[in-house]
Amino acid sequence: MLQDRLKDLLTELDISQRQFAMKIGLDPGYFSRIIRGKQEPTERFFLLVEGVFHVNRKWLESGDGPVFRDSGLSKTRKDVLELIGDLDEEQLKAVLAFLQYLRQA
């Protein structure tokens, strides 16, 4: 279950739920509800965990594969991932639309 993997991740990172939430820019109460299975995580949540902590998304969602992904990202890509953590859902949709436009150009 996702909740168990998140608890394992907290142990692996040696940080509290509050520290984890603050590091990715989320309300600690929201993260607590995810950990307890009371709240479904958003796409933004997955992107933040993946980007800030370099967690393998496949592992986070299903438990398959290694916990951490290769952190061989360029500085630019890391910077972009960190910046999207400050965006709300509407802003993320706008960024996604822009990136899709760039890909087609």
Protein backbone atom coordinates (compact mmCIF):
# COMPACT_ATOMS: atom_id res chain seq x y z
CA MET A 1 0.00 0.00 0.00
CA LEU A 2 1.06 3.56 -0.68
CA GLN A 3 0.82 4.41 3.01
CA ASP A 4 3.31 1.67 3.90
CA ARG A 5 5.72 2.77 1.18
CA LEU A 6 5.54 6.36 2.42
CA LYS A 7 6.28 5.23 5.97
CA ASP A 8 9.23 3.19 4.66
CA LEU A 9 10.43 6.24 2.75
CA LEU A 10 10.29 8.41 5.88
CA THR A 11 12.38 5.81 7.70
CA GLU A 12 14.85 5.59 4.82
CA LEU A 13 15.19 9.38 4.69
CA ASP A 14 15.28 9.61 8.51
CA ILE A 15 12.81 12.50 8.63
CA SER A 16 9.45 13.14 10.27
CA GLN A 17 6.14 13.45 8.44
CA ARG A 18 6.20 17.19 9.15
CA GLN A 19 9.75 17.61 7.79
CA PHE A 20 8.83 15.62 4.69
CA ALA A 21 5.73 17.70 4.02
CA MET A 22 7.55 20.99 4.58
CA LYS A 23 10.42 19.95 2.31
CA ILE A 24 8.03 19.40 -0.60
CA GLY A 25 5.95 22.46 0.23
CA LEU A 26 2.77 20.73 1.38
CA ASP A 27 0.61 21.20 4.43
CA PRO A 28 1.66 18.64 7.08
CA GLY A 29 -2.02 17.88 7.77
CA TYR A 30 -2.58 16.99 4.12
CA PHE A 31 0.40 14.65 4.16
CA SER A 32 -0.80 13.10 7.41
CA ARG A 33 -4.16 12.32 5.78
CA ILE A 34 -2.35 10.62 2.88
CA ILE A 35 -0.26 8.53 5.30
CA ARG A 36 -3.43 7.46 7.15
CA GLY A 37 -5.23 6.59 3.90
CA LYS A 38 -7.84 9.32 4.41
CA GLN A 39 -6.78 11.39 1.38
CA GLU A 40 -5.86 10.40 -2.15
CA PRO A 41 -2.63 12.05 -3.31
CA THR A 42 -2.73 14.36 -6.31
CA GLU A 43 -0.51 14.28 -9.37
CA ARG A 44 1.29 17.28 -7.87
CA PHE A 45 2.11 15.22 -4.77
CA PHE A 46 3.70 12.47 -6.84
CA LEU A 47 5.67 15.00 -8.89
CA LEU A 48 6.97 16.70 -5.76
CA VAL A 49 8.04 13.47 -4.05
CA GLU A 50 9.69 12.28 -7.24
CA GLY A 51 11.41 15.59 -7.88
CA VAL A 52 12.56 16.58 -4.41
CA PHE A 53 13.53 13.17 -3.04
CA HIS A 54 14.42 11.44 -6.35
CA VAL A 55 11.95 8.66 -5.60
CA ASN A 56 11.16 6.15 -8.33
CA ARG A 57 7.53 6.89 -9.24
CA LYS A 58 6.87 3.26 -10.16
CA TRP A 59 8.01 2.16 -6.70
CA LEU A 60 5.92 4.85 -5.02
CA GLU A 61 2.76 3.85 -6.87
CA SER A 62 3.13 0.06 -6.98
CA GLY A 63 6.15 -1.02 -4.94
CA ASP A 64 7.96 -2.25 -8.07
CA GLY A 65 11.58 -1.35 -8.75
CA PRO A 66 14.14 0.47 -6.62
CA VAL A 67 13.02 3.12 -4.12
CA PHE A 68 15.21 5.83 -5.59
CA ARG A 69 15.69 6.65 -9.24
CA ASP A 70 18.94 7.57 -10.86
CA SER A 71 19.65 11.17 -9.94
CA GLY A 72 21.48 11.71 -13.23
CA LEU A 73 19.23 14.65 -14.05
CA SER A 74 20.80 17.81 -15.35
CA LYS A 75 20.80 20.86 -13.10
CA THR A 76 18.22 22.49 -15.34
CA ARG A 77 15.84 19.54 -15.00
CA LYS A 78 16.31 19.48 -11.22
CA ASP A 79 15.62 23.22 -11.05
CA VAL A 80 12.42 22.81 -13.07
CA LEU A 81 11.22 19.99 -10.81
CA GLU A 82 11.86 22.06 -7.71
CA LEU A 83 10.08 25.10 -9.14
CA ILE A 84 6.92 23.20 -10.01
CA GLY A 85 6.56 22.42 -6.32
CA ASP A 86 5.42 26.01 -5.77
CA LEU A 87 2.65 25.87 -8.38
CA ASP A 88 -1.02 25.20 -7.77
CA GLU A 89 -3.04 22.76 -9.91
CA GLU A 90 -4.14 25.40 -12.43
CA GLN A 91 -0.58 26.62 -12.90
CA LEU A 92 0.59 23.03 -13.36
CA LYS A 93 -2.02 22.54 -16.08
CA ALA A 94 -0.77 25.67 -17.83
CA VAL A 95 2.84 24.44 -17.63
CA LEU A 96 1.80 21.05 -18.99
CA ALA A 97 -0.04 22.65 -21.91
CA PHE A 98 2.99 24.81 -22.67
CA LEU A 99 5.35 21.83 -22.57
CA GLN A 100 3.07 19.87 -24.88
CA TYR A 101 3.07 22.85 -27.25
CA LEU A 102 6.88 22.98 -27.18
CA ARG A 103 7.11 19.27 -27.93
CA GLN A 104 4.99 19.73 -31.07
CA ALA A 105 6.99 22.72 -32.33
